[in-house]
Amino acid sequence: MSTTTAKRFTQEEYHRLAELGFFQDNRVELIRGEIFQMSAKGTSHSVCSTRLYRELFKLVGDSAILRGQEPITLLRDSEPEPDLTIVRSRADDYLSAHPTPDDVLLLIEISDSSLSYDQEVKLPLYAQANISNYWIFNLPANYLECYSEPYHDLQNKFGYRQKLIFLPSDSVTLPHFSDLALDLSKIFPN
């Protein structure tokens, strides 16, 4: 009896496939060595993303860099493309390399059809990479899930100790920017 195993890709192999045009116009990301097709965006997702980017740009200005659906380098076999990431400012704007966990101040996913993927696949990946702050705009439930304090337990599982829920009528302080608060009433689609 033989068993079959799927081919797992490194970041280098993934980049080479992209250079060769293997993915064409498909939106994909590398997660734990597997290449995942990214979900199509509905109008609620797009509106939330547009509003979020606009408000964060006003708040953060030049004190950090906002990256929308751009890769971050995690571990050896993962290169997700979160909906929005706030990273430390760098003179080259990350021309020499994608941001790594040490660069990430806040990582944000906007979730409608991708909610279980963002909670069950990406959340443990981000915790394993020691991303200190992970937010999910949970559009089906109409609230923001804020995760912090990554952990690794004895069963080799990764997660976050803290989970806070914020409603569309709330404001939430931006991690690493204690004087900046995001008014969620300006973000959630009505």
C-alpha atoms as a PDB file:
ATOM      1  CA  MET A   1       0.000   0.000   0.000  1.00  0.00           C
ATOM      2  CA  SER A   2       1.405   3.401  -0.929  1.00  0.00           C
ATOM      3  CA  THR A   3       0.483   6.748   0.471  1.00  0.00           C
ATOM      4  CA  THR A   4       0.436  10.011  -1.369  1.00  0.00           C
ATOM      5  CA  THR A   5       1.597  13.299   0.051  1.00  0.00           C
ATOM      6  CA  ALA A   6       1.007  16.720  -1.372  1.00  0.00           C
ATOM      7  CA  LYS A   7       3.963  18.764  -2.559  1.00  0.00           C
ATOM      8  CA  ARG A   8       4.780  21.517  -0.066  1.00  0.00           C
ATOM      9  CA  PHE A   9       6.435  24.636  -1.417  1.00  0.00           C
ATOM     10  CA  THR A  10       9.089  26.864   0.096  1.00  0.00           C
ATOM     11  CA  GLN A  11       8.924  30.608  -0.371  1.00  0.00           C
ATOM     12  CA  GLU A  12      11.723  30.361  -2.946  1.00  0.00           C
ATOM     13  CA  GLU A  13       9.799  27.787  -5.021  1.00  0.00           C
ATOM     14  CA  TYR A  14       6.617  29.851  -4.706  1.00  0.00           C
ATOM     15  CA  HIS A  15       8.415  32.981  -5.955  1.00  0.00           C
ATOM     16  CA  ARG A  16       9.896  31.023  -8.867  1.00  0.00           C
ATOM     17  CA  LEU A  17       6.448  29.764  -9.895  1.00  0.00           C
ATOM     18  CA  ALA A  18       5.151  33.346  -9.811  1.00  0.00           C
ATOM     19  CA  GLU A  19       8.104  34.546 -11.941  1.00  0.00           C
ATOM     20  CA  LEU A  20       7.318  31.845 -14.484  1.00  0.00           C
ATOM     21  CA  GLY A  21       3.724  33.117 -14.729  1.00  0.00           C
ATOM     22  CA  PHE A  22       2.271  29.981 -13.193  1.00  0.00           C
ATOM     23  CA  PHE A  23      -0.464  31.868 -11.322  1.00  0.00           C
ATOM     24  CA  GLN A  24      -1.408  34.243 -14.173  1.00  0.00           C
ATOM     25  CA  ASP A  25      -4.078  36.603 -12.813  1.00  0.00           C
ATOM     26  CA  ASN A  26      -5.089  34.335  -9.927  1.00  0.00           C
ATOM     27  CA  ARG A  27      -4.852  35.812  -6.442  1.00  0.00           C
ATOM     28  CA  VAL A  28      -2.996  33.237  -4.354  1.00  0.00           C
ATOM     29  CA  GLU A  29      -1.010  33.068  -1.133  1.00  0.00           C
ATOM     30  CA  LEU A  30       1.416  30.555   0.387  1.00  0.00           C
ATOM     31  CA  ILE A  31       0.271  29.128   3.740  1.00  0.00           C
ATOM     32  CA  ARG A  32       2.314  26.378   5.447  1.00  0.00           C
ATOM     33  CA  GLY A  33       3.701  25.250   2.109  1.00  0.00           C
ATOM     34  CA  GLU A  34       0.328  25.091   0.348  1.00  0.00           C
ATOM     35  CA  ILE A  35      -0.827  27.498  -2.335  1.00  0.00           C
ATOM     36  CA  PHE A  36      -4.324  28.798  -1.625  1.00  0.00           C
ATOM     37  CA  GLN A  37      -6.622  30.626  -4.022  1.00  0.00           C
ATOM     38  CA  MET A  38      -7.849  33.766  -2.283  1.00  0.00           C
ATOM     39  CA  SER A  39     -11.597  34.347  -1.970  1.00  0.00           C
ATOM     40  CA  ALA A  40     -13.397  36.770  -4.240  1.00  0.00           C
ATOM     41  CA  LYS A  41     -14.413  39.969  -2.480  1.00  0.00           C
ATOM     42  CA  GLY A  42     -18.023  40.979  -2.079  1.00  0.00           C
ATOM     43  CA  THR A  43     -19.173  44.584  -1.918  1.00  0.00           C
ATOM     44  CA  SER A  44     -19.279  44.630   1.917  1.00  0.00           C
ATOM     45  CA  HIS A  45     -15.660  43.464   2.042  1.00  0.00           C
ATOM     46  CA  SER A  46     -14.602  46.104  -0.484  1.00  0.00           C
ATOM     47  CA  VAL A  47     -16.447  48.925   1.286  1.00  0.00           C
ATOM     48  CA  CYS A  48     -15.019  47.928   4.677  1.00  0.00           C
ATOM     49  CA  SER A  49     -11.524  47.748   3.187  1.00  0.00           C
ATOM     50  CA  THR A  50     -11.833  51.161   1.512  1.00  0.00           C
ATOM     51  CA  ARG A  51     -13.151  52.834   4.666  1.00  0.00           C
ATOM     52  CA  LEU A  52     -10.588  51.143   6.897  1.00  0.00           C
ATOM     53  CA  TYR A  53      -7.674  52.165   4.703  1.00  0.00           C
ATOM     54  CA  ARG A  54      -8.941  55.757   4.513  1.00  0.00           C
ATOM     55  CA  GLU A  55      -9.375  56.100   8.291  1.00  0.00           C
ATOM     56  CA  LEU A  56      -6.092  54.390   9.175  1.00  0.00           C
ATOM     57  CA  PHE A  57      -4.207  56.581   6.715  1.00  0.00           C
ATOM     58  CA  LYS A  58      -5.651  59.677   8.445  1.00  0.00           C
ATOM     59  CA  LEU A  59      -4.666  58.341  11.873  1.00  0.00           C
ATOM     60  CA  VAL A  60      -1.245  56.839  11.181  1.00  0.00           C
ATOM     61  CA  GLY A  61      -0.015  59.265   8.518  1.00  0.00           C
ATOM     62  CA  ASP A  62       3.746  59.007   8.087  1.00  0.00           C
ATOM     63  CA  SER A  63       4.418  57.323  11.436  1.00  0.00           C
ATOM     64  CA  ALA A  64       4.087  53.838   9.863  1.00  0.00           C
ATOM     65  CA  ILE A  65       3.418  52.210   6.492  1.00  0.00           C
ATOM     66  CA  LEU A  66       0.004  50.862   5.482  1.00  0.00           C
ATOM     67  CA  ARG A  67       0.131  47.889   3.126  1.00  0.00           C
ATOM     68  CA  GLY A  68      -3.017  46.618   1.449  1.00  0.00           C
ATOM     69  CA  GLN A  69      -3.043  42.979   0.304  1.00  0.00           C
ATOM     70  CA  GLU A  70       0.738  42.835   0.088  1.00  0.00           C
ATOM     71  CA  PRO A  71       2.834  39.836   1.158  1.00  0.00           C
ATOM     72  CA  ILE A  72       4.482  39.416   4.522  1.00  0.00           C
ATOM     73  CA  THR A  73       7.166  36.802   5.077  1.00  0.00           C
ATOM     74  CA  LEU A  74       6.346  34.287   7.804  1.00  0.00           C
ATOM     75  CA  LEU A  75       8.326  31.193   8.643  1.00  0.00           C
ATOM     76  CA  ARG A  76      10.010  29.384   5.739  1.00  0.00           C
ATOM     77  CA  ASP A  77       6.859  28.172   4.032  1.00  0.00           C
ATOM     78  CA  SER A  78       4.318  30.989   4.386  1.00  0.00           C
ATOM     79  CA  GLU A  79       3.737  34.274   2.638  1.00  0.00           C
ATOM     80  CA  PRO A  80       0.170  35.422   3.303  1.00  0.00           C
ATOM     81  CA  GLU A  81      -1.319  38.594   1.847  1.00  0.00           C
ATOM     82  CA  PRO A  82      -3.466  40.100   4.613  1.00  0.00           C
ATOM     83  CA  ASP A  83      -6.143  42.626   3.730  1.00  0.00           C
ATOM     84  CA  LEU A  84      -4.238  45.354   5.539  1.00  0.00           C
ATOM     85  CA  THR A  85      -1.020  45.508   7.522  1.00  0.00           C
ATOM     86  CA  ILE A  86       0.519  48.361   9.481  1.00  0.00           C
ATOM     87  CA  VAL A  87       4.286  47.964   9.472  1.00  0.00           C
ATOM     88  CA  ARG A  88       7.201  49.954  10.830  1.00  0.00           C
ATOM     89  CA  SER A  89       8.445  52.735   8.596  1.00  0.00           C
ATOM     90  CA  ARG A  90      11.518  51.887   6.577  1.00  0.00           C
ATOM     91  CA  ALA A  91      13.433  54.129   4.182  1.00  0.00           C
ATOM     92  CA  ASP A  92      13.125  51.703   1.244  1.00  0.00           C
ATOM     93  CA  ASP A  93       9.388  50.990   1.832  1.00  0.00           C
ATOM     94  CA  TYR A  94      10.329  47.273   1.874  1.00  0.00           C
ATOM     95  CA  LEU A  95      11.829  47.256  -1.611  1.00  0.00           C
ATOM     96  CA  SER A  96      14.645  44.941  -0.458  1.00  0.00           C
ATOM     97  CA  ALA A  97      12.327  42.393   1.195  1.00  0.00           C
ATOM     98  CA  HIS A  98       8.744  41.898   2.338  1.00  0.00           C
ATOM     99  CA  PRO A  99       8.010  42.743   5.985  1.00  0.00           C
ATOM    100  CA  THR A 100       8.657  40.044   8.575  1.00  0.00           C
ATOM    101  CA  PRO A 101       6.896  39.547  11.941  1.00  0.00           C
ATOM    102  CA  ASP A 102       9.292  41.984  13.633  1.00  0.00           C
ATOM    103  CA  ASP A 103       8.093  44.705  11.243  1.00  0.00           C
ATOM    104  CA  VAL A 104       4.352  44.114  11.763  1.00  0.00           C
ATOM    105  CA  LEU A 105       2.567  46.446  14.180  1.00  0.00           C
ATOM    106  CA  LEU A 106      -0.961  45.305  13.308  1.00  0.00           C
ATOM    107  CA  LEU A 107      -2.272  42.699  10.889  1.00  0.00           C
ATOM    108  CA  ILE A 108      -5.891  42.924   9.705  1.00  0.00           C
ATOM    109  CA  GLU A 109      -8.178  40.560   7.806  1.00  0.00           C
ATOM    110  CA  ILE A 110     -11.645  41.531   6.609  1.00  0.00           C
ATOM    111  CA  SER A 111     -13.779  38.418   6.685  1.00  0.00           C
ATOM    112  CA  ASP A 112     -17.049  37.478   5.127  1.00  0.00           C
ATOM    113  CA  SER A 113     -16.834  34.226   3.142  1.00  0.00           C
ATOM    114  CA  SER A 114     -13.255  33.719   4.439  1.00  0.00           C
ATOM    115  CA  LEU A 115     -14.149  33.908   8.154  1.00  0.00           C
ATOM    116  CA  SER A 116     -13.398  30.285   9.096  1.00  0.00           C
ATOM    117  CA  TYR A 117     -10.156  30.377   7.061  1.00  0.00           C
ATOM    118  CA  ASP A 118      -9.045  33.577   8.834  1.00  0.00           C
ATOM    119  CA  GLN A 119      -9.937  32.178  12.277  1.00  0.00           C
ATOM    120  CA  GLU A 120      -8.832  28.551  11.904  1.00  0.00           C
ATOM    121  CA  VAL A 121      -5.929  28.646   9.417  1.00  0.00           C
ATOM    122  CA  LYS A 122      -4.467  32.132   9.524  1.00  0.00           C
ATOM    123  CA  LEU A 123      -4.904  32.855  13.243  1.00  0.00           C
ATOM    124  CA  PRO A 124      -2.641  29.989  14.431  1.00  0.00           C
ATOM    125  CA  LEU A 125      -0.153  30.809  11.658  1.00  0.00           C
ATOM    126  CA  TYR A 126       0.050  34.452  12.779  1.00  0.00           C
ATOM    127  CA  ALA A 127       0.368  33.383  16.427  1.00  0.00           C
ATOM    128  CA  GLN A 128       3.165  30.942  15.531  1.00  0.00           C
ATOM    129  CA  ALA A 129       4.982  33.738  13.707  1.00  0.00           C
ATOM    130  CA  ASN A 130       4.585  35.842  16.882  1.00  0.00           C
ATOM    131  CA  ILE A 131       2.436  38.544  15.284  1.00  0.00           C
ATOM    132  CA  SER A 132       1.493  40.459  18.433  1.00  0.00           C
ATOM    133  CA  ASN A 133      -1.786  42.009  17.206  1.00  0.00           C
ATOM    134  CA  TYR A 134      -4.255  40.435  14.796  1.00  0.00           C
ATOM    135  CA  TRP A 135      -7.659  41.900  13.981  1.00  0.00           C
ATOM    136  CA  ILE A 136     -10.534  40.292  12.103  1.00  0.00           C
ATOM    137  CA  PHE A 137     -13.359  42.481  10.855  1.00  0.00           C
ATOM    138  CA  ASN A 138     -16.060  39.825  11.193  1.00  0.00           C
ATOM    139  CA  LEU A 139     -18.641  41.055   8.670  1.00  0.00           C
ATOM    140  CA  PRO A 140     -21.247  38.274   9.197  1.00  0.00           C
ATOM    141  CA  ALA A 141     -21.389  39.067  12.949  1.00  0.00           C
ATOM    142  CA  ASN A 142     -20.828  42.802  12.366  1.00  0.00           C
ATOM    143  CA  TYR A 143     -18.049  43.256  14.931  1.00  0.00           C
ATOM    144  CA  LEU A 144     -14.266  43.490  15.254  1.00  0.00           C
ATOM    145  CA  GLU A 145     -12.299  40.635  16.851  1.00  0.00           C
ATOM    146  CA  CYS A 146      -8.996  41.859  18.345  1.00  0.00           C
ATOM    147  CA  TYR A 147      -6.430  39.185  19.204  1.00  0.00           C
ATOM    148  CA  SER A 148      -3.226  39.751  21.184  1.00  0.00           C
ATOM    149  CA  GLU A 149      -0.625  37.885  23.236  1.00  0.00           C
ATOM    150  CA  PRO A 150       0.339  34.916  21.036  1.00  0.00           C
ATOM    151  CA  TYR A 151       1.016  31.619  22.799  1.00  0.00           C
ATOM    152  CA  HIS A 152       2.305  28.107  22.086  1.00  0.00           C
ATOM    153  CA  ASP A 153       0.896  25.314  24.273  1.00  0.00           C
ATOM    154  CA  LEU A 154       2.234  21.877  25.199  1.00  0.00           C
ATOM    155  CA  GLN A 155       0.138  20.209  22.468  1.00  0.00           C
ATOM    156  CA  ASN A 156       2.057  22.316  19.914  1.00  0.00           C
ATOM    157  CA  LYS A 157      -0.941  24.512  19.150  1.00  0.00           C
ATOM    158  CA  PHE A 158      -0.687  28.235  18.581  1.00  0.00           C
ATOM    159  CA  GLY A 159      -3.240  30.889  19.399  1.00  0.00           C
ATOM    160  CA  TYR A 160      -3.856  34.139  21.237  1.00  0.00           C
ATOM    161  CA  ARG A 161      -4.515  34.561  24.971  1.00  0.00           C
ATOM    162  CA  GLN A 162      -6.619  37.690  24.503  1.00  0.00           C
ATOM    163  CA  LYS A 163      -9.690  38.104  22.321  1.00  0.00           C
ATOM    164  CA  LEU A 164     -11.704  41.299  22.604  1.00  0.00           C
ATOM    165  CA  ILE A 165     -14.880  42.113  20.686  1.00  0.00           C
ATOM    166  CA  PHE A 166     -15.684  45.661  19.564  1.00  0.00           C
ATOM    167  CA  LEU A 167     -19.054  46.664  18.130  1.00  0.00           C
ATOM    168  CA  PRO A 168     -19.589  49.108  15.249  1.00  0.00           C
ATOM    169  CA  SER A 169     -20.527  51.805  17.777  1.00  0.00           C
ATOM    170  CA  ASP A 170     -17.161  51.456  19.597  1.00  0.00           C
ATOM    171  CA  SER A 171     -13.758  52.999  19.145  1.00  0.00           C
ATOM    172  CA  VAL A 172     -10.619  50.903  19.468  1.00  0.00           C
ATOM    173  CA  THR A 173      -7.086  52.045  20.288  1.00  0.00           C
ATOM    174  CA  LEU A 174      -4.478  51.125  17.705  1.00  0.00           C
ATOM    175  CA  PRO A 175      -1.725  48.865  19.052  1.00  0.00           C
ATOM    176  CA  HIS A 176       1.629  50.694  19.250  1.00  0.00           C
ATOM    177  CA  PHE A 177      -0.247  54.028  18.931  1.00  0.00           C
ATOM    178  CA  SER A 178      -1.862  54.506  22.347  1.00  0.00           C
ATOM    179  CA  ASP A 179      -3.000  58.027  21.445  1.00  0.00           C
ATOM    180  CA  LEU A 180      -4.850  56.932  18.287  1.00  0.00           C
ATOM    181  CA  ALA A 181      -8.376  55.485  18.304  1.00  0.00           C
ATOM    182  CA  LEU A 182     -10.257  54.094  15.326  1.00  0.00           C
ATOM    183  CA  ASP A 183     -13.972  54.964  15.230  1.00  0.00           C
ATOM    184  CA  LEU A 184     -15.583  51.732  14.015  1.00  0.00           C
ATOM    185  CA  SER A 185     -18.808  53.492  13.031  1.00  0.00           C
ATOM    186  CA  LYS A 186     -16.813  54.873  10.081  1.00  0.00           C
ATOM    187  CA  ILE A 187     -15.675  51.408   8.987  1.00  0.00           C
ATOM    188  CA  PHE A 188     -18.490  48.841   9.019  1.00  0.00           C
ATOM    189  CA  PRO A 189     -20.807  48.828   5.989  1.00  0.00           C
ATOM    190  CA  ASN A 190     -24.353  49.835   6.966  1.00  0.00           C
END
